[in-house]
Structure formats: C-alpha cells, structure tokens
C-alpha cells in the first residue's frame, strides 16, 4: 500500500504539468478538438464554495496576464472514501518572467489546520474538509493566495502518459528498476516504464538529485509530446484520460485565456524544496519547518506572484 502511494506521489508533478501544458501549449485547433476539449473541461470542472482569499485585495484575471497560483492535490481515492492528499504541490505561474515555480510540500509537515483549530499533518486538511480546507490550510502555511486547484486521481495517471503516446528521454545511467532495464542513450518509455524511470534513487550515485533530474526529463518529455502537432491525432484519448482523473475550478474560458496569454511559461519550470526537521510528538512523526525557512519560501513565492513582501505571520 505504501509502495503504491509512493509511486503515485512521484507522478502528480507529471500529471499536473501535463494538464497545464495541454491548456497552455496545445490550444484549440478546429471545431472537433474544440468540442472534445470543452466536453472534457466540463467534466473536470468542479467549483468550490469559498470566499475570496484574504491574501489578495482583488481576484486575479488571466485575461489580463496576472500571475496566479495553483494547488495540485494527488489523491488516492477508493470507493466512497475521500482519501488523503498524499501529494501537495503549489505552482506559481508568472507570464511576465515566463516561469513556473513548483513547490512540493511534504505530507507530514506540521501546521495549523484551518477550520479545525489544531496543529496536525498538512495532508490531513483534505481528509478533514476536502479541497476548501486544503486550500485554506496551504494559504495560511505559505501566506499566499491560492487561486485555482487541480485534484488528480492518481490511480489513472498512467492513462494520461500513454495517451500522449509515451515519452522519449536521453538516459545517462544504465540501471534496472521495478522489473525494467534502462540502457544509456535515447529511450522510449510507456507510462509504466516512465514511472519506474522517475522513481529510482538508491542505485543512482547522485541520490535524490539524480531522481529529480529524471523527473524533470519526464516532465519535459511529456510537455514536448503534449504540445506537438502529432498529439492532435490522439487528442480524444488525452482529453478522455484527463476528464476521468482530474477535477479543477478552472473554467473553459479561463483555460482559453491561459492558452492565449501564458504560452511560454511551461518552458521554464523551477522546483523548490522545503527544508524540514523530522521529529516525533506523542509518538507521531512530523516534519517541522523553522520560521526562517518558512519566511524564505513565502518571500520567494510572493515575489513570483508579484505580491508585496511582508513579515511572516
């Protein structure tokens, strides 16, 4: 069970980025694609009942090329169980510097759960109160507004990778993992193979840095496939896979405006990391973030969103 969750967590980045890239890069080509895309968006669209964020004076407008933020939640849903957001990633998108900053928040991070009035692991917010409570809690933790959310059902992510026809990467380390062998040089990967390629860490002398490098390779390869003209022949499968596995409060019109005004941002994706100190409280493991580290992260994200920097809460 834990091994399967770890597999799924590694792929939220790829699934979420692919979703954004399809919005940003592919655009709408012809009536048939337009119709399929709009149908998929209507299936994915799930607004949330929530007041305007207190972290912003006025709502953002993608039609005016405002920087915006997205909370991506990787959820392992089974049956009627809501599940937990074992993967939490915040994307801050800025069309003025043509970049996306991608921050992964460890699920064991200890913070205040907004609406519960207590300190707990940050991934418990979704379990307690769904997307609205998760957004409120992340906003409070990072001291930035969350404008949109993308919820990904991680059980179906491989369909999305396979829907773009697989990916091609250049591998610089010969290794075997999870039943697959990866030779040096240019290799083509299916969804299952790409998952294993992105997961391996222990056999890499570079450790987690090597794994992150491979993850970025996969993300870039998915972007290339998703944005290529050849992918249009398979657009129905791609939109169908997204429609089944993604929920978001982005509307169709907002996606069209993002496609129009944010075309270059997907080419520059920077990963950010939170430094934590692991500890046990009453026998339960938590990740503790120092005030200094929290302030560093908050300032970097506020600068990316072009918000006024301010002292931490």
C-alpha atoms as a PDB file:
ATOM      1  CA  UNK A   1       0.000   0.000   0.000  1.00  0.00           C
ATOM      2  CA  UNK A   2       2.725   2.496   0.987  1.00  0.00           C
ATOM      3  CA  UNK A   3       4.815   1.499  -2.029  1.00  0.00           C
ATOM      4  CA  UNK A   4       1.864   2.163  -4.323  1.00  0.00           C
ATOM      5  CA  UNK A   5       1.254   5.576  -2.697  1.00  0.00           C
ATOM      6  CA  UNK A   6       4.916   6.486  -3.231  1.00  0.00           C
ATOM      7  CA  UNK A   7       4.622   5.523  -6.906  1.00  0.00           C
ATOM      8  CA  UNK A   8       1.560   7.726  -7.303  1.00  0.00           C
ATOM      9  CA  UNK A   9       3.124  10.687  -5.493  1.00  0.00           C
ATOM     10  CA  UNK A  10       6.052  10.820  -7.914  1.00  0.00           C
ATOM     11  CA  UNK A  11       3.654  11.267 -10.796  1.00  0.00           C
ATOM     12  CA  UNK A  12       1.450  14.091  -9.628  1.00  0.00           C
ATOM     13  CA  UNK A  13       4.044  16.541 -10.953  1.00  0.00           C
ATOM     14  CA  UNK A  14       3.908  14.942 -14.381  1.00  0.00           C
ATOM     15  CA  UNK A  15       0.110  14.662 -14.483  1.00  0.00           C
ATOM     16  CA  UNK A  16      -0.469  18.203 -13.243  1.00  0.00           C
ATOM     17  CA  UNK A  17       2.130  19.740 -15.529  1.00  0.00           C
ATOM     18  CA  UNK A  18       0.736  17.800 -18.487  1.00  0.00           C
ATOM     19  CA  UNK A  19      -2.711  19.191 -17.694  1.00  0.00           C
ATOM     20  CA  UNK A  20      -1.389  22.767 -17.638  1.00  0.00           C
ATOM     21  CA  UNK A  21       0.676  22.227 -20.773  1.00  0.00           C
ATOM     22  CA  UNK A  22      -2.307  20.926 -22.684  1.00  0.00           C
ATOM     23  CA  UNK A  23      -4.127  24.095 -21.692  1.00  0.00           C
ATOM     24  CA  UNK A  24      -1.157  26.364 -22.395  1.00  0.00           C
ATOM     25  CA  UNK A  25       0.565  24.721 -25.330  1.00  0.00           C
ATOM     26  CA  UNK A  26      -1.845  22.726 -27.433  1.00  0.00           C
ATOM     27  CA  UNK A  27      -4.632  25.272 -27.602  1.00  0.00           C
ATOM     28  CA  UNK A  28      -7.793  24.659 -29.621  1.00  0.00           C
ATOM     29  CA  UNK A  29      -7.307  23.508 -33.208  1.00  0.00           C
ATOM     30  CA  UNK A  30     -10.532  23.186 -35.182  1.00  0.00           C
ATOM     31  CA  UNK A  31     -14.095  22.500 -34.180  1.00  0.00           C
ATOM     32  CA  UNK A  32     -13.661  18.799 -33.378  1.00  0.00           C
ATOM     33  CA  UNK A  33     -10.778  19.421 -30.966  1.00  0.00           C
ATOM     34  CA  UNK A  34     -12.603  22.435 -29.553  1.00  0.00           C
ATOM     35  CA  UNK A  35     -15.695  20.360 -28.854  1.00  0.00           C
ATOM     36  CA  UNK A  36     -13.748  17.473 -27.262  1.00  0.00           C
ATOM     37  CA  UNK A  37     -11.702  19.864 -25.146  1.00  0.00           C
ATOM     38  CA  UNK A  38     -14.785  21.725 -23.933  1.00  0.00           C
ATOM     39  CA  UNK A  39     -16.526  18.447 -23.078  1.00  0.00           C
ATOM     40  CA  UNK A  40     -13.505  17.305 -21.057  1.00  0.00           C
ATOM     41  CA  UNK A  41     -13.311  20.641 -19.236  1.00  0.00           C
ATOM     42  CA  UNK A  42     -16.997  20.469 -18.367  1.00  0.00           C
ATOM     43  CA  UNK A  43     -16.363  17.009 -16.922  1.00  0.00           C
ATOM     44  CA  UNK A  44     -13.332  18.220 -14.958  1.00  0.00           C
ATOM     45  CA  UNK A  45     -14.884  21.469 -13.758  1.00  0.00           C
ATOM     46  CA  UNK A  46     -15.840  21.369 -10.101  1.00  0.00           C
ATOM     47  CA  UNK A  47     -16.179  24.799  -8.456  1.00  0.00           C
ATOM     48  CA  UNK A  48     -15.806  25.150  -4.710  1.00  0.00           C
ATOM     49  CA  UNK A  49     -17.836  27.204  -2.277  1.00  0.00           C
ATOM     50  CA  UNK A  50     -15.275  29.532  -0.826  1.00  0.00           C
ATOM     51  CA  UNK A  51     -14.919  33.246  -0.145  1.00  0.00           C
ATOM     52  CA  UNK A  52     -12.382  35.371  -1.984  1.00  0.00           C
ATOM     53  CA  UNK A  53      -8.943  34.840  -0.493  1.00  0.00           C
ATOM     54  CA  UNK A  54      -7.943  37.341   2.168  1.00  0.00           C
ATOM     55  CA  UNK A  55      -4.381  37.080   0.823  1.00  0.00           C
ATOM     56  CA  UNK A  56      -5.381  39.103  -2.269  1.00  0.00           C
ATOM     57  CA  UNK A  57      -7.005  42.513  -2.489  1.00  0.00           C
ATOM     58  CA  UNK A  58      -8.756  41.715  -5.773  1.00  0.00           C
ATOM     59  CA  UNK A  59      -9.286  38.471  -7.717  1.00  0.00           C
ATOM     60  CA  UNK A  60      -6.800  37.690 -10.467  1.00  0.00           C
ATOM     61  CA  UNK A  61      -7.744  37.905 -14.146  1.00  0.00           C
ATOM     62  CA  UNK A  62      -5.923  35.568 -16.525  1.00  0.00           C
ATOM     63  CA  UNK A  63      -7.332  37.631 -19.405  1.00  0.00           C
ATOM     64  CA  UNK A  64      -5.048  40.429 -18.136  1.00  0.00           C
ATOM     65  CA  UNK A  65      -1.996  38.144 -17.716  1.00  0.00           C
ATOM     66  CA  UNK A  66      -1.955  38.306 -13.920  1.00  0.00           C
ATOM     67  CA  UNK A  67       0.419  35.893 -12.140  1.00  0.00           C
ATOM     68  CA  UNK A  68      -1.573  33.141 -10.459  1.00  0.00           C
ATOM     69  CA  UNK A  69      -1.187  30.126  -8.182  1.00  0.00           C
ATOM     70  CA  UNK A  70      -2.439  26.553  -8.405  1.00  0.00           C
ATOM     71  CA  UNK A  71      -2.706  23.964  -5.648  1.00  0.00           C
ATOM     72  CA  UNK A  72      -2.250  20.451  -7.023  1.00  0.00           C
ATOM     73  CA  UNK A  73      -3.506  17.593  -4.870  1.00  0.00           C
ATOM     74  CA  UNK A  74      -2.683  13.978  -5.624  1.00  0.00           C
ATOM     75  CA  UNK A  75      -5.462  11.931  -4.062  1.00  0.00           C
ATOM     76  CA  UNK A  76      -5.717   8.162  -3.709  1.00  0.00           C
ATOM     77  CA  UNK A  77      -9.494   7.742  -3.901  1.00  0.00           C
ATOM     78  CA  UNK A  78     -11.029   4.328  -3.365  1.00  0.00           C
ATOM     79  CA  UNK A  79     -14.766   3.707  -3.326  1.00  0.00           C
ATOM     80  CA  UNK A  80     -16.620   6.264  -1.206  1.00  0.00           C
ATOM     81  CA  UNK A  81     -13.519   7.094   0.826  1.00  0.00           C
ATOM     82  CA  UNK A  82     -12.391  10.700   0.254  1.00  0.00           C
ATOM     83  CA  UNK A  83      -8.778   9.669   0.794  1.00  0.00           C
ATOM     84  CA  UNK A  84      -5.854  11.881   1.714  1.00  0.00           C
ATOM     85  CA  UNK A  85      -3.844  14.284  -0.378  1.00  0.00           C
ATOM     86  CA  UNK A  86      -0.566  12.414  -0.069  1.00  0.00           C
ATOM     87  CA  UNK A  87       0.946  14.746  -2.669  1.00  0.00           C
ATOM     88  CA  UNK A  88       0.670  18.525  -2.280  1.00  0.00           C
ATOM     89  CA  UNK A  89       2.294  20.808  -4.839  1.00  0.00           C
ATOM     90  CA  UNK A  90       1.906  24.560  -5.280  1.00  0.00           C
ATOM     91  CA  UNK A  91       2.568  26.097  -8.692  1.00  0.00           C
ATOM     92  CA  UNK A  92       3.093  29.835  -9.045  1.00  0.00           C
ATOM     93  CA  UNK A  93       2.785  30.954 -12.668  1.00  0.00           C
ATOM     94  CA  UNK A  94       4.198  34.264 -13.876  1.00  0.00           C
ATOM     95  CA  UNK A  95       3.831  35.265 -17.550  1.00  0.00           C
ATOM     96  CA  UNK A  96       5.989  38.350 -17.059  1.00  0.00           C
ATOM     97  CA  UNK A  97       9.131  36.323 -16.388  1.00  0.00           C
ATOM     98  CA  UNK A  98       7.783  33.306 -18.290  1.00  0.00           C
ATOM     99  CA  UNK A  99       8.274  30.835 -15.467  1.00  0.00           C
ATOM    100  CA  UNK A 100       6.578  28.368 -13.153  1.00  0.00           C
ATOM    101  CA  UNK A 101       7.874  27.744  -9.631  1.00  0.00           C
ATOM    102  CA  UNK A 102       6.868  24.338  -8.315  1.00  0.00           C
ATOM    103  CA  UNK A 103       6.927  23.751  -4.560  1.00  0.00           C
ATOM    104  CA  UNK A 104       6.374  20.280  -3.101  1.00  0.00           C
ATOM    105  CA  UNK A 105       5.018  20.330   0.457  1.00  0.00           C
ATOM    106  CA  UNK A 106       5.851  17.118   2.365  1.00  0.00           C
ATOM    107  CA  UNK A 107       2.658  15.452   3.564  1.00  0.00           C
ATOM    108  CA  UNK A 108       3.937  15.152   7.173  1.00  0.00           C
ATOM    109  CA  UNK A 109       4.566  18.898   7.504  1.00  0.00           C
ATOM    110  CA  UNK A 110       3.139  20.093  10.830  1.00  0.00           C
ATOM    111  CA  UNK A 111       0.983  23.198  10.574  1.00  0.00           C
ATOM    112  CA  UNK A 112      -2.325  24.650  11.699  1.00  0.00           C
ATOM    113  CA  UNK A 113      -5.313  23.002  10.027  1.00  0.00           C
ATOM    114  CA  UNK A 114      -7.606  25.931   9.253  1.00  0.00           C
ATOM    115  CA  UNK A 115     -11.146  25.071  10.267  1.00  0.00           C
ATOM    116  CA  UNK A 116     -10.031  22.507  12.828  1.00  0.00           C
ATOM    117  CA  UNK A 117      -8.162  24.835  15.179  1.00  0.00           C
ATOM    118  CA  UNK A 118      -5.297  22.462  15.801  1.00  0.00           C
ATOM    119  CA  UNK A 119      -1.800  21.567  14.643  1.00  0.00           C
ATOM    120  CA  UNK A 120      -1.590  18.422  12.507  1.00  0.00           C
ATOM    121  CA  UNK A 121      -0.031  16.971   9.373  1.00  0.00           C
ATOM    122  CA  UNK A 122      -0.852  19.171   6.407  1.00  0.00           C
ATOM    123  CA  UNK A 123      -2.254  16.315   4.334  1.00  0.00           C
ATOM    124  CA  UNK A 124      -4.956  15.761   6.963  1.00  0.00           C
ATOM    125  CA  UNK A 125      -6.633  19.003   5.867  1.00  0.00           C
ATOM    126  CA  UNK A 126      -8.052  17.350   2.748  1.00  0.00           C
ATOM    127  CA  UNK A 127      -9.211  14.320   4.753  1.00  0.00           C
ATOM    128  CA  UNK A 128     -10.994  16.603   7.240  1.00  0.00           C
ATOM    129  CA  UNK A 129     -12.563  19.121   4.868  1.00  0.00           C
ATOM    130  CA  UNK A 130     -11.808  18.337   1.244  1.00  0.00           C
ATOM    131  CA  UNK A 131     -10.417  20.855  -1.225  1.00  0.00           C
ATOM    132  CA  UNK A 132     -11.681  24.015   0.589  1.00  0.00           C
ATOM    133  CA  UNK A 133      -9.936  23.124   3.866  1.00  0.00           C
ATOM    134  CA  UNK A 134      -6.795  22.054   1.999  1.00  0.00           C
ATOM    135  CA  UNK A 135      -6.672  25.419   0.210  1.00  0.00           C
ATOM    136  CA  UNK A 136      -7.261  27.406   3.414  1.00  0.00           C
ATOM    137  CA  UNK A 137      -4.548  25.452   5.233  1.00  0.00           C
ATOM    138  CA  UNK A 138      -1.963  25.823   2.446  1.00  0.00           C
ATOM    139  CA  UNK A 139      -2.749  29.537   2.127  1.00  0.00           C
ATOM    140  CA  UNK A 140      -2.152  30.007   5.826  1.00  0.00           C
ATOM    141  CA  UNK A 141       1.057  27.972   5.775  1.00  0.00           C
ATOM    142  CA  UNK A 142       2.585  29.788   2.775  1.00  0.00           C
ATOM    143  CA  UNK A 143       0.925  33.190   3.361  1.00  0.00           C
ATOM    144  CA  UNK A 144      -0.029  33.461  -0.334  1.00  0.00           C
ATOM    145  CA  UNK A 145      -3.391  33.276  -2.121  1.00  0.00           C
ATOM    146  CA  UNK A 146      -4.363  30.037  -3.854  1.00  0.00           C
ATOM    147  CA  UNK A 147      -6.279  30.966  -6.987  1.00  0.00           C
ATOM    148  CA  UNK A 148      -7.011  27.573  -8.506  1.00  0.00           C
ATOM    149  CA  UNK A 149      -6.807  23.909  -7.642  1.00  0.00           C
ATOM    150  CA  UNK A 150      -6.203  20.744  -9.640  1.00  0.00           C
ATOM    151  CA  UNK A 151      -7.135  17.464  -7.977  1.00  0.00           C
ATOM    152  CA  UNK A 152      -5.669  14.360  -9.599  1.00  0.00           C
ATOM    153  CA  UNK A 153      -6.890  10.815  -9.007  1.00  0.00           C
ATOM    154  CA  UNK A 154      -3.525   9.088  -9.022  1.00  0.00           C
ATOM    155  CA  UNK A 155      -4.949   5.681  -9.938  1.00  0.00           C
ATOM    156  CA  UNK A 156      -5.361   6.793 -13.553  1.00  0.00           C
ATOM    157  CA  UNK A 157      -2.261   8.886 -14.252  1.00  0.00           C
ATOM    158  CA  UNK A 158      -0.639   6.267 -16.482  1.00  0.00           C
ATOM    159  CA  UNK A 159      -3.517   6.571 -18.940  1.00  0.00           C
ATOM    160  CA  UNK A 160      -2.541  10.206 -19.472  1.00  0.00           C
ATOM    161  CA  UNK A 161       1.102   9.384 -20.188  1.00  0.00           C
ATOM    162  CA  UNK A 162       0.113   6.591 -22.555  1.00  0.00           C
ATOM    163  CA  UNK A 163      -2.481   8.865 -24.187  1.00  0.00           C
ATOM    164  CA  UNK A 164       0.293  11.137 -25.494  1.00  0.00           C
ATOM    165  CA  UNK A 165       1.971   8.081 -26.999  1.00  0.00           C
ATOM    166  CA  UNK A 166       4.627   7.608 -24.330  1.00  0.00           C
ATOM    167  CA  UNK A 167       7.746   9.721 -23.894  1.00  0.00           C
ATOM    168  CA  UNK A 168      11.329   9.752 -25.164  1.00  0.00           C
ATOM    169  CA  UNK A 169      14.251  10.733 -22.921  1.00  0.00           C
ATOM    170  CA  UNK A 170      18.057  10.591 -23.007  1.00  0.00           C
ATOM    171  CA  UNK A 171      19.281   8.380 -20.179  1.00  0.00           C
ATOM    172  CA  UNK A 172      22.783   8.933 -18.738  1.00  0.00           C
ATOM    173  CA  UNK A 173      22.784   5.998 -16.280  1.00  0.00           C
ATOM    174  CA  UNK A 174      22.402   2.291 -17.089  1.00  0.00           C
ATOM    175  CA  UNK A 175      20.166   0.696 -14.449  1.00  0.00           C
ATOM    176  CA  UNK A 176      17.328  -1.716 -13.762  1.00  0.00           C
ATOM    177  CA  UNK A 177      14.365  -0.966 -11.548  1.00  0.00           C
ATOM    178  CA  UNK A 178      10.920  -2.366 -10.824  1.00  0.00           C
ATOM    179  CA  UNK A 179      11.298  -5.086 -13.473  1.00  0.00           C
ATOM    180  CA  UNK A 180      12.511  -2.756 -16.245  1.00  0.00           C
ATOM    181  CA  UNK A 181      16.007  -2.182 -17.664  1.00  0.00           C
ATOM    182  CA  UNK A 182      17.028   1.298 -18.794  1.00  0.00           C
ATOM    183  CA  UNK A 183      20.056   1.459 -21.094  1.00  0.00           C
ATOM    184  CA  UNK A 184      22.136   4.558 -21.681  1.00  0.00           C
ATOM    185  CA  UNK A 185      21.160   6.776 -24.577  1.00  0.00           C
ATOM    186  CA  UNK A 186      17.816   7.750 -26.076  1.00  0.00           C
ATOM    187  CA  UNK A 187      14.999   5.515 -24.844  1.00  0.00           C
ATOM    188  CA  UNK A 188      11.224   5.473 -25.350  1.00  0.00           C
ATOM    189  CA  UNK A 189       9.016   4.814 -22.320  1.00  0.00           C
ATOM    190  CA  UNK A 190       5.422   3.784 -21.712  1.00  0.00           C
ATOM    191  CA  UNK A 191       3.524   5.051 -18.662  1.00  0.00           C
ATOM    192  CA  UNK A 192       4.625   2.055 -16.547  1.00  0.00           C
ATOM    193  CA  UNK A 193       8.251   2.357 -17.665  1.00  0.00           C
ATOM    194  CA  UNK A 194       8.336   6.123 -17.165  1.00  0.00           C
ATOM    195  CA  UNK A 195       7.049   5.625 -13.621  1.00  0.00           C
ATOM    196  CA  UNK A 196       9.909   3.272 -12.775  1.00  0.00           C
ATOM    197  CA  UNK A 197      12.442   5.532 -14.533  1.00  0.00           C
ATOM    198  CA  UNK A 198      11.350   8.504 -12.406  1.00  0.00           C
ATOM    199  CA  UNK A 199      11.220   6.594  -9.112  1.00  0.00           C
ATOM    200  CA  UNK A 200      14.691   5.055  -8.870  1.00  0.00           C
ATOM    201  CA  UNK A 201      17.002   6.701  -6.338  1.00  0.00           C
ATOM    202  CA  UNK A 202      19.140   4.239  -4.356  1.00  0.00           C
ATOM    203  CA  UNK A 203      21.130   2.909  -7.312  1.00  0.00           C
ATOM    204  CA  UNK A 204      21.937   6.421  -8.513  1.00  0.00           C
ATOM    205  CA  UNK A 205      25.236   7.783  -7.117  1.00  0.00           C
ATOM    206  CA  UNK A 206      23.633  11.246  -7.230  1.00  0.00           C
ATOM    207  CA  UNK A 207      20.834  10.080  -4.915  1.00  0.00           C
ATOM    208  CA  UNK A 208      17.728  12.225  -4.848  1.00  0.00           C
ATOM    209  CA  UNK A 209      19.322  14.801  -7.146  1.00  0.00           C
ATOM    210  CA  UNK A 210      19.571  12.151  -9.865  1.00  0.00           C
ATOM    211  CA  UNK A 211      15.953  11.157  -9.343  1.00  0.00           C
ATOM    212  CA  UNK A 212      14.820  14.777  -9.575  1.00  0.00           C
ATOM    213  CA  UNK A 213      16.795  15.130 -12.804  1.00  0.00           C
ATOM    214  CA  UNK A 214      14.971  12.151 -14.298  1.00  0.00           C
ATOM    215  CA  UNK A 215      11.630  13.516 -13.122  1.00  0.00           C
ATOM    216  CA  UNK A 216      12.370  16.791 -14.897  1.00  0.00           C
ATOM    217  CA  UNK A 217      13.303  14.808 -18.024  1.00  0.00           C
ATOM    218  CA  UNK A 218       9.954  13.032 -17.917  1.00  0.00           C
ATOM    219  CA  UNK A 219       8.074  16.293 -17.358  1.00  0.00           C
ATOM    220  CA  UNK A 220       9.860  17.962 -20.266  1.00  0.00           C
ATOM    221  CA  UNK A 221       9.251  14.933 -22.498  1.00  0.00           C
ATOM    222  CA  UNK A 222       5.549  14.955 -21.643  1.00  0.00           C
ATOM    223  CA  UNK A 223       5.463  18.668 -22.421  1.00  0.00           C
ATOM    224  CA  UNK A 224       7.095  18.044 -25.792  1.00  0.00           C
ATOM    225  CA  UNK A 225       4.656  15.265 -26.640  1.00  0.00           C
ATOM    226  CA  UNK A 226       1.628  17.139 -25.325  1.00  0.00           C
ATOM    227  CA  UNK A 227       2.475  20.253 -27.305  1.00  0.00           C
ATOM    228  CA  UNK A 228       3.403  18.513 -30.570  1.00  0.00           C
ATOM    229  CA  UNK A 229       1.119  18.576 -33.578  1.00  0.00           C
ATOM    230  CA  UNK A 230       1.253  14.770 -33.818  1.00  0.00           C
ATOM    231  CA  UNK A 231      -0.511  14.552 -30.459  1.00  0.00           C
ATOM    232  CA  UNK A 232      -3.582  16.156 -32.004  1.00  0.00           C
ATOM    233  CA  UNK A 233      -4.373  12.862 -33.727  1.00  0.00           C
ATOM    234  CA  UNK A 234      -4.811  11.368 -30.251  1.00  0.00           C
ATOM    235  CA  UNK A 235      -6.484  14.347 -28.592  1.00  0.00           C
ATOM    236  CA  UNK A 236      -9.658  12.381 -27.842  1.00  0.00           C
ATOM    237  CA  UNK A 237      -7.772   9.843 -25.696  1.00  0.00           C
ATOM    238  CA  UNK A 238      -5.836  12.595 -23.930  1.00  0.00           C
ATOM    239  CA  UNK A 239      -8.926  14.630 -23.080  1.00  0.00           C
ATOM    240  CA  UNK A 240     -10.790  11.469 -22.044  1.00  0.00           C
ATOM    241  CA  UNK A 241      -7.981  10.472 -19.658  1.00  0.00           C
ATOM    242  CA  UNK A 242      -7.875  13.961 -18.177  1.00  0.00           C
ATOM    243  CA  UNK A 243     -11.652  14.123 -17.823  1.00  0.00           C
ATOM    244  CA  UNK A 244     -11.702  10.886 -15.845  1.00  0.00           C
ATOM    245  CA  UNK A 245      -8.842  11.682 -13.494  1.00  0.00           C
ATOM    246  CA  UNK A 246      -8.736  15.462 -12.962  1.00  0.00           C
ATOM    247  CA  UNK A 247     -11.013  17.921 -11.129  1.00  0.00           C
ATOM    248  CA  UNK A 248     -10.439  21.686 -11.166  1.00  0.00           C
ATOM    249  CA  UNK A 249     -12.195  25.001 -10.577  1.00  0.00           C
ATOM    250  CA  UNK A 250     -10.683  26.421 -13.766  1.00  0.00           C
ATOM    251  CA  UNK A 251     -13.400  27.262 -16.276  1.00  0.00           C
ATOM    252  CA  UNK A 252     -13.221  26.703 -20.013  1.00  0.00           C
ATOM    253  CA  UNK A 253     -12.929  30.444 -20.678  1.00  0.00           C
ATOM    254  CA  UNK A 254     -10.077  30.738 -18.167  1.00  0.00           C
ATOM    255  CA  UNK A 255      -8.257  27.873 -19.853  1.00  0.00           C
ATOM    256  CA  UNK A 256      -8.636  29.522 -23.238  1.00  0.00           C
ATOM    257  CA  UNK A 257      -7.220  32.762 -21.812  1.00  0.00           C
ATOM    258  CA  UNK A 258      -4.325  30.868 -20.221  1.00  0.00           C
ATOM    259  CA  UNK A 259      -3.597  29.236 -23.569  1.00  0.00           C
ATOM    260  CA  UNK A 260      -3.567  32.663 -25.168  1.00  0.00           C
ATOM    261  CA  UNK A 261      -1.593  34.623 -22.577  1.00  0.00           C
ATOM    262  CA  UNK A 262       0.758  32.139 -20.862  1.00  0.00           C
ATOM    263  CA  UNK A 263       2.198  30.137 -23.766  1.00  0.00           C
ATOM    264  CA  UNK A 264       5.863  30.380 -22.767  1.00  0.00           C
ATOM    265  CA  UNK A 265       5.689  29.611 -19.043  1.00  0.00           C
ATOM    266  CA  UNK A 266       5.804  25.825 -19.437  1.00  0.00           C
ATOM    267  CA  UNK A 267       9.319  26.044 -20.876  1.00  0.00           C
ATOM    268  CA  UNK A 268      10.802  27.251 -17.579  1.00  0.00           C
ATOM    269  CA  UNK A 269       9.838  25.129 -14.573  1.00  0.00           C
ATOM    270  CA  UNK A 270      11.839  25.595 -11.364  1.00  0.00           C
ATOM    271  CA  UNK A 271      11.458  23.154  -8.490  1.00  0.00           C
ATOM    272  CA  UNK A 272      11.574  24.481  -4.934  1.00  0.00           C
ATOM    273  CA  UNK A 273      12.251  22.443  -1.808  1.00  0.00           C
ATOM    274  CA  UNK A 274      11.208  22.918   1.810  1.00  0.00           C
ATOM    275  CA  UNK A 275      13.826  22.012   4.404  1.00  0.00           C
ATOM    276  CA  UNK A 276      12.315  20.303   7.423  1.00  0.00           C
ATOM    277  CA  UNK A 277      13.475  18.722  10.673  1.00  0.00           C
ATOM    278  CA  UNK A 278      11.833  15.376  11.395  1.00  0.00           C
ATOM    279  CA  UNK A 279      10.645  14.757  14.950  1.00  0.00           C
ATOM    280  CA  UNK A 280       8.096  12.734  16.921  1.00  0.00           C
ATOM    281  CA  UNK A 281       5.371  14.303  19.030  1.00  0.00           C
ATOM    282  CA  UNK A 282       3.356  11.905  21.177  1.00  0.00           C
ATOM    283  CA  UNK A 283       4.787   9.059  19.130  1.00  0.00           C
ATOM    284  CA  UNK A 284       3.705  10.547  15.763  1.00  0.00           C
ATOM    285  CA  UNK A 285       6.239  11.643  13.122  1.00  0.00           C
ATOM    286  CA  UNK A 286       6.064  15.260  11.866  1.00  0.00           C
ATOM    287  CA  UNK A 287       8.152  17.487   9.641  1.00  0.00           C
ATOM    288  CA  UNK A 288       8.920  20.780  11.416  1.00  0.00           C
ATOM    289  CA  UNK A 289       9.637  23.882   9.321  1.00  0.00           C
ATOM    290  CA  UNK A 290      11.592  26.646  11.045  1.00  0.00           C
ATOM    291  CA  UNK A 291      10.309  30.222  10.962  1.00  0.00           C
ATOM    292  CA  UNK A 292      13.354  31.259   8.924  1.00  0.00           C
ATOM    293  CA  UNK A 293      12.755  28.556   6.327  1.00  0.00           C
ATOM    294  CA  UNK A 294       9.071  29.358   6.132  1.00  0.00           C
ATOM    295  CA  UNK A 295       9.860  33.045   5.610  1.00  0.00           C
ATOM    296  CA  UNK A 296      12.323  32.186   2.818  1.00  0.00           C
ATOM    297  CA  UNK A 297       9.738  30.119   0.975  1.00  0.00           C
ATOM    298  CA  UNK A 298       6.986  32.694   1.465  1.00  0.00           C
ATOM    299  CA  UNK A 299       9.141  35.540   0.152  1.00  0.00           C
ATOM    300  CA  UNK A 300      10.158  33.614  -2.956  1.00  0.00           C
ATOM    301  CA  UNK A 301       6.576  32.714  -3.780  1.00  0.00           C
ATOM    302  CA  UNK A 302       5.322  36.243  -3.120  1.00  0.00           C
ATOM    303  CA  UNK A 303       7.967  37.631  -5.464  1.00  0.00           C
ATOM    304  CA  UNK A 304       6.894  35.148  -8.134  1.00  0.00           C
ATOM    305  CA  UNK A 305       3.270  36.249  -7.718  1.00  0.00           C
ATOM    306  CA  UNK A 306       4.342  39.912  -7.622  1.00  0.00           C
ATOM    307  CA  UNK A 307       2.852  40.427  -4.179  1.00  0.00           C
ATOM    308  CA  UNK A 308       4.244  42.856  -1.637  1.00  0.00           C
ATOM    309  CA  UNK A 309       6.713  41.128   0.667  1.00  0.00           C
ATOM    310  CA  UNK A 310       5.749  41.295   4.293  1.00  0.00           C
ATOM    311  CA  UNK A 311       6.814  39.931   7.616  1.00  0.00           C
ATOM    312  CA  UNK A 312       5.724  36.394   8.472  1.00  0.00           C
ATOM    313  CA  UNK A 313       2.570  35.882  10.465  1.00  0.00           C
END
